[in-house]
Structure formats: structure tokens, C-alpha cells
Amino acid sequence: MSTVSPDSNEGNSYMRLVDQTAGHSLVDPRNSTSNASNHWHATSSPTGDEIGCGSLNISMINTWAILRGFMRFDLSSLSGTITSAKFKFYNDTQNGLMNDGDKFYLVGGTFGGSITVADYSNITNRPSSGTYAGTSVRTYTSAVEINISAGGAPQLFEVSLTSEAITDINSAVGSGNFDVVMVSEEDYLSDFSGLLDNNIQIQGCDICGADGYTSGEACYNKGPVLELSTGYGNKVYNISAISTINGISSGGISKVNEV
């Protein structure tokens, strides 16, 4: 089993903002390919802040915003075939406006080099509009819910990754990076009907970031990781040239086929 953290300084969050008074809606920052901005953890000056995603209605300054999180895992030093994978993370506890029953997805990204603000729209196979569900977007998790009150100690979450994620991980093993984008459920589905018209209304999730925290901070040493497993699973086929098999259990010799 291998555990891999995001590359140093490669756990980041960026948002795109648009003016509400210009006739825009939340689908405009979601679907646009320009005008994203640094937010929380800029690559040029890492602070250890949380990695987050969400949708924001900041009506006091007439602004819609979509926030996405970005992680790059270097798998070039690994070998073998990955058979299962988990994404393990701790919720951030500082922001009382998020993680209150909100959900996120992990999807595939195509960053190339170090993550920058220019990667905001670099979701692999991203359609120009509409939901990502049922499309060619590489979906690595089902909806992940965080429902934690602000304050207190961060709690550990473990999420099993999909077969699409396993395929992409194995493509990166020994040679490259596994790029991941964290998007809110509203962003994934292109459905912002729950974002109400308050002064600041936020739907989204925060998790502890990858680096930069100091001892004593709640998220210290609690950055996200991939937990990768190798193995053959429960079935072995086409065994040949074996004269004796000892210690068979769970049903006996009838369970061993094609010997």
C-alpha cells in the first residue's frame, strides 16, 4: 500500500467572479474560460490555507463566484498495478459558512505543469455548458457530504475512488501526475437553485490543505492523501503446472477453476 500527498504547493483553490448587475448568473463564471483569480492558497505564496470548492452569492458587492480546488499527485516513482484507491482528508473547521451538509465531487484535471490560475477550466473533457453527470468528464467519486459544525478538531474522511480514477491512476503510475479538481455538487450538476438571495450565501466544502501549517494549528499534518493498494483481488485464473494446492477454504476445490 502506498500513500501519496499532493505535490508541495500544489493544493490550491481558485475562483471566478462575475458582476450580478451585468445580467450574469452563476452559470457564467462556471462555464467561462477567462477571468479566474487567486483565492486562499496562491501557488506563488503558499499559506497552508484550506482547499475548497463552492458557489457564492455575494450580493452586497453584486458578485457571483464559483470556487474550485486543485490537487496534483506525482505518481512517477510508483510501480505495479493499482487495484483500489481512497481519497483521505480532514475537514477544515475554521469556516462556519461551509461544510454544513454541502457536497463535492472529485473529477479529472489536465494541468500539465505546476497548477496555476490558468488551470481553473482545465477539467478533463469538460463540456462548455450543462451538467457533468453522464458526460465524458472523468468522475472520481460519488457525491461526498461534509456536515460538521465549525470549531472543534478536524475529522477524518475516507472516500473510495471510482474505476475511472483507478484507470487514470494506473496511467500515471511510473510516469506522471494524477490531476484532480474538487468541485461542489452545484458546480458538478450546474444547478444553483439552492443559492438564496442573502448578503453572503455560500454552498460548499473546505478541507485541510496540503502544506504550510505550523504546529498547533488544527490542520497541521492533516493534508489530503491518496491511499493506493495493489493486488490480485479475489480470483486467480488460468493457473497451470501446479501439481498440488494445499489449504483451500471457502468452498473447496470446486472454487478453483481452469487449473
Protein backbone atom coordinates (compact mmCIF):
# COMPACT_ATOMS: atom_id res chain seq x y z
CA MET A 1 0.00 0.00 0.00
CA SER A 2 1.28 3.47 -0.89
CA THR A 3 0.23 6.87 0.47
CA VAL A 4 0.78 9.92 -1.72
CA SER A 5 0.31 13.57 -0.77
CA PRO A 6 -0.29 16.37 -3.30
CA ASP A 7 2.90 17.94 -4.62
CA SER A 8 4.32 20.71 -2.46
CA ASN A 9 2.45 23.96 -3.16
CA GLU A 10 0.07 22.07 -5.46
CA GLY A 11 -3.04 22.06 -3.31
CA ASN A 12 -4.79 25.26 -4.32
CA SER A 13 -8.15 26.97 -4.68
CA TYR A 14 -9.20 29.46 -7.37
CA MET A 15 -12.43 31.27 -8.02
CA ARG A 16 -14.01 33.07 -10.94
CA LEU A 17 -16.23 36.09 -10.27
CA VAL A 18 -18.77 37.96 -12.39
CA ASP A 19 -20.89 41.07 -11.86
CA GLN A 20 -24.53 40.35 -10.98
CA THR A 21 -25.65 43.74 -12.30
CA ALA A 22 -24.49 42.91 -15.83
CA GLY A 23 -27.14 40.25 -16.31
CA HIS A 24 -24.91 37.35 -15.32
CA SER A 25 -25.89 34.24 -13.37
CA LEU A 26 -23.79 31.57 -11.66
CA VAL A 27 -23.53 29.52 -14.83
CA ASP A 28 -21.43 32.33 -16.33
CA PRO A 29 -18.40 32.01 -14.00
CA ARG A 30 -18.84 28.24 -14.16
CA ASN A 31 -18.76 27.97 -17.95
CA SER A 32 -16.44 30.82 -18.83
CA THR A 33 -12.78 30.19 -19.66
CA SER A 34 -11.40 33.56 -18.51
CA ASN A 35 -11.07 35.89 -15.53
CA ALA A 36 -10.35 33.36 -12.78
CA SER A 37 -8.41 34.72 -9.80
CA ASN A 38 -6.20 33.52 -6.98
CA HIS A 39 -8.02 32.62 -3.79
CA TRP A 40 -6.81 31.38 -0.38
CA HIS A 41 -3.73 29.42 -1.46
CA ALA A 42 -1.90 31.04 -4.36
CA THR A 43 0.92 28.99 -5.85
CA SER A 44 3.34 31.88 -5.58
CA SER A 45 2.82 32.32 -1.85
CA PRO A 46 1.54 29.17 -0.13
CA THR A 47 -0.08 29.81 3.23
CA GLY A 48 -1.39 26.37 4.10
CA ASP A 49 -4.97 27.53 3.80
CA GLU A 50 -7.75 25.07 3.11
CA ILE A 51 -8.60 23.57 -0.25
CA GLY A 52 -12.19 24.40 -1.07
CA CYS A 53 -14.99 24.44 -3.59
CA GLY A 54 -18.36 26.08 -3.68
CA SER A 55 -20.74 28.63 -5.15
CA LEU A 56 -21.15 32.10 -3.70
CA ASN A 57 -23.83 34.76 -3.97
CA ILE A 58 -22.13 37.88 -2.58
CA SER A 59 -25.00 40.27 -3.17
CA MET A 60 -23.50 43.08 -1.04
CA ILE A 61 -20.95 43.61 -3.82
CA ASN A 62 -23.18 42.29 -6.63
CA THR A 63 -20.96 39.29 -7.35
CA TRP A 64 -21.43 35.66 -8.31
CA ALA A 65 -18.44 33.36 -7.76
CA ILE A 66 -17.53 29.71 -8.30
CA LEU A 67 -14.69 28.24 -6.24
CA ARG A 68 -12.77 25.07 -7.21
CA GLY A 69 -9.96 23.15 -5.53
CA PHE A 70 -6.97 21.66 -7.36
CA MET A 71 -4.55 18.87 -6.40
CA ARG A 72 -1.72 17.23 -8.31
CA PHE A 73 -0.32 13.86 -7.15
CA ASP A 74 3.07 12.80 -8.55
CA LEU A 75 2.93 9.01 -9.14
CA SER A 76 6.08 8.76 -11.24
CA SER A 77 8.05 6.97 -8.51
CA LEU A 78 5.43 4.22 -8.03
CA SER A 79 5.26 0.84 -9.76
CA GLY A 80 2.81 -2.03 -10.07
CA THR A 81 -0.91 -2.08 -10.83
CA ILE A 82 -3.27 -0.19 -8.54
CA THR A 83 -6.42 -2.16 -7.76
CA SER A 84 -8.13 0.21 -5.33
CA ALA A 85 -7.70 3.76 -4.11
CA LYS A 86 -9.05 6.02 -1.38
CA PHE A 87 -9.00 9.79 -1.01
CA LYS A 88 -8.45 10.60 2.67
CA PHE A 89 -8.91 14.09 4.04
CA TYR A 90 -9.78 16.11 7.13
CA ASN A 91 -12.49 18.77 7.12
CA ASP A 92 -11.36 22.30 7.84
CA THR A 93 -13.12 23.72 10.90
CA GLN A 94 -12.47 27.45 10.58
CA ASN A 95 -15.19 28.46 8.13
CA GLY A 96 -18.64 28.32 9.69
CA LEU A 97 -20.33 29.05 6.35
CA MET A 98 -19.23 25.80 4.68
CA ASN A 99 -19.28 22.04 5.42
CA ASP A 100 -22.85 22.26 6.74
CA GLY A 101 -24.29 19.41 4.70
CA ASP A 102 -22.72 20.53 1.45
CA LYS A 103 -21.30 18.02 -1.05
CA PHE A 104 -18.44 17.82 -3.52
CA TYR A 105 -17.11 15.62 -6.31
CA LEU A 106 -13.56 14.89 -7.39
CA VAL A 107 -13.11 14.97 -11.17
CA GLY A 108 -10.16 14.64 -13.51
CA GLY A 109 -7.96 17.55 -14.46
CA THR A 110 -5.32 18.17 -17.12
CA PHE A 111 -2.81 20.63 -15.67
CA GLY A 112 0.45 19.77 -17.42
CA GLY A 113 2.93 21.52 -15.13
CA SER A 114 2.55 23.29 -11.81
CA ILE A 115 -1.01 24.33 -11.03
CA THR A 116 -1.79 27.96 -11.82
CA VAL A 117 -4.90 30.09 -12.01
CA ALA A 118 -4.97 29.29 -15.73
CA ASP A 119 -5.98 25.72 -14.83
CA TYR A 120 -9.37 26.83 -13.49
CA SER A 121 -11.23 25.43 -16.52
CA ASN A 122 -8.88 22.50 -17.15
CA ILE A 123 -11.34 19.79 -16.17
CA THR A 124 -10.72 16.86 -18.50
CA ASN A 125 -13.39 16.58 -21.23
CA ARG A 126 -15.33 19.49 -19.72
CA PRO A 127 -18.44 20.36 -21.74
CA SER A 128 -18.98 24.04 -22.48
CA SER A 129 -22.24 24.03 -20.52
CA GLY A 130 -24.62 21.76 -18.64
CA THR A 131 -24.15 19.05 -16.06
CA TYR A 132 -21.00 16.94 -15.89
CA ALA A 133 -23.06 13.88 -14.91
CA GLY A 134 -23.31 11.33 -17.71
CA THR A 135 -20.68 13.11 -19.83
CA SER A 136 -17.05 12.30 -20.63
CA VAL A 137 -15.85 14.24 -17.57
CA ARG A 138 -13.68 11.85 -15.55
CA THR A 139 -15.65 11.45 -12.30
CA TYR A 140 -13.54 10.06 -9.46
CA THR A 141 -16.07 9.96 -6.60
CA SER A 142 -19.76 9.92 -5.95
CA ALA A 143 -21.10 12.97 -4.07
CA VAL A 144 -19.14 13.41 -0.82
CA GLU A 145 -21.04 15.13 2.00
CA ILE A 146 -19.41 17.09 4.82
CA ASN A 147 -21.78 18.05 7.64
CA ILE A 148 -19.65 19.30 10.51
CA SER A 149 -20.16 22.23 12.87
CA ALA A 150 -17.49 24.92 12.86
CA GLY A 151 -14.86 24.64 15.55
CA GLY A 152 -13.55 21.52 17.24
CA ALA A 153 -10.96 19.14 15.85
CA PRO A 154 -10.94 18.21 12.16
CA GLN A 155 -12.44 14.79 11.41
CA LEU A 156 -11.01 12.18 9.06
CA PHE A 157 -12.99 11.18 5.95
CA GLU A 158 -12.18 8.24 3.66
CA VAL A 159 -13.69 8.09 0.17
CA SER A 160 -13.29 5.15 -2.22
CA LEU A 161 -12.41 6.24 -5.76
CA THR A 162 -14.21 5.04 -8.89
CA SER A 163 -12.99 2.69 -11.61
CA GLU A 164 -12.36 5.76 -13.81
CA ALA A 165 -10.00 7.06 -11.15
CA ILE A 166 -8.20 3.69 -10.95
CA THR A 167 -7.72 3.72 -14.74
CA ASP A 168 -6.25 7.23 -14.68
CA ILE A 169 -4.08 6.48 -11.66
CA ASN A 170 -2.58 3.46 -13.40
CA SER A 171 -1.90 5.60 -16.47
CA ALA A 172 0.18 7.92 -14.25
CA VAL A 173 1.98 5.26 -12.20
CA GLY A 174 5.67 5.24 -13.04
CA SER A 175 5.46 8.13 -15.45
CA GLY A 176 3.39 11.14 -14.46
CA ASN A 177 0.82 13.04 -12.42
CA PHE A 178 -2.72 12.30 -11.31
CA ASP A 179 -4.53 15.65 -11.56
CA VAL A 180 -7.69 16.22 -9.53
CA VAL A 181 -10.27 19.02 -9.39
CA MET A 182 -12.60 19.39 -6.41
CA VAL A 183 -15.98 20.83 -7.46
CA SER A 184 -19.13 21.49 -5.48
CA GLU A 185 -22.26 19.46 -6.15
CA GLU A 186 -23.91 22.57 -7.61
CA ASP A 187 -20.97 23.13 -9.94
CA TYR A 188 -20.92 19.46 -10.99
CA LEU A 189 -24.65 19.41 -11.76
CA SER A 190 -24.87 23.02 -13.00
CA ASP A 191 -27.78 23.51 -10.58
CA PHE A 192 -27.62 26.59 -8.36
CA SER A 193 -31.28 26.75 -7.39
CA GLY A 194 -30.46 26.48 -3.67
CA LEU A 195 -28.30 29.60 -3.54
CA LEU A 196 -30.58 32.16 -1.93
CA ASP A 197 -30.51 35.93 -2.18
CA ASN A 198 -28.80 36.77 1.13
CA ASN A 199 -25.96 39.21 1.78
CA ILE A 200 -23.45 36.37 1.59
CA GLN A 201 -24.77 32.92 0.76
CA ILE A 202 -22.27 30.10 0.34
CA GLN A 203 -22.68 26.46 -0.56
CA GLY A 204 -19.50 24.45 -0.50
CA CYS A 205 -16.84 22.40 1.27
CA ASP A 206 -13.45 23.09 2.87
CA ILE A 207 -10.76 20.51 3.63
CA CYS A 208 -7.39 20.87 5.29
CA GLY A 209 -4.72 21.96 2.82
CA ALA A 210 -1.59 20.19 1.72
CA ASP A 211 1.15 22.19 3.42
CA GLY A 212 2.15 25.39 5.15
CA TYR A 213 0.52 24.87 8.55
CA THR A 214 2.50 25.27 11.75
CA SER A 215 2.48 23.09 14.84
CA GLY A 216 -0.59 23.79 16.95
CA GLU A 217 -2.89 24.69 14.07
CA ALA A 218 -5.93 22.43 13.69
CA CYS A 219 -4.94 21.24 10.20
CA TYR A 220 -1.25 20.63 10.97
CA ASN A 221 -0.15 17.30 9.40
CA LYS A 222 -3.72 16.68 8.19
CA GLY A 223 -3.35 17.30 4.47
CA PRO A 224 -5.21 15.16 1.91
CA VAL A 225 -3.65 11.93 0.65
CA LEU A 226 -4.26 9.15 -1.85
CA GLU A 227 -4.10 5.66 -0.35
CA LEU A 228 -3.27 3.24 -3.16
CA SER A 229 -3.45 -0.56 -2.97
CA THR A 230 -2.05 -3.21 -5.29
CA GLY A 231 -3.05 -6.87 -5.50
CA TYR A 232 -4.81 -9.55 -7.48
CA GLY A 233 -8.25 -9.34 -5.90
CA ASN A 234 -10.22 -12.47 -5.00
CA LYS A 235 -9.94 -14.51 -8.24
CA VAL A 236 -6.97 -16.16 -9.91
CA TYR A 237 -7.46 -17.60 -13.38
CA ASN A 238 -5.55 -19.93 -15.70
CA ILE A 239 -3.20 -21.47 -13.16
CA SER A 240 -1.04 -24.09 -14.90
CA ALA A 241 1.64 -26.63 -13.98
CA ILE A 242 0.68 -26.82 -10.30
CA SER A 243 0.63 -30.41 -9.03
CA THR A 244 -0.68 -29.73 -5.53
CA ILE A 245 -2.75 -26.95 -4.00
CA ASN A 246 -2.93 -27.00 -0.20
CA GLY A 247 -5.14 -25.25 2.30
CA ILE A 248 -8.09 -24.38 0.07
CA SER A 249 -11.02 -22.94 2.02
CA SER A 250 -14.33 -21.15 1.33
CA GLY A 251 -15.96 -23.89 -0.66
CA GLY A 252 -13.14 -26.27 -1.52
CA ILE A 253 -11.64 -27.30 -4.81
CA SER A 254 -14.77 -26.52 -6.82
CA LYS A 255 -13.96 -22.83 -6.37
CA VAL A 256 -10.64 -23.18 -8.21
CA ASN A 257 -11.34 -23.10 -11.95
CA GLU A 258 -9.26 -23.72 -15.08
CA VAL A 259 -6.31 -25.37 -13.27
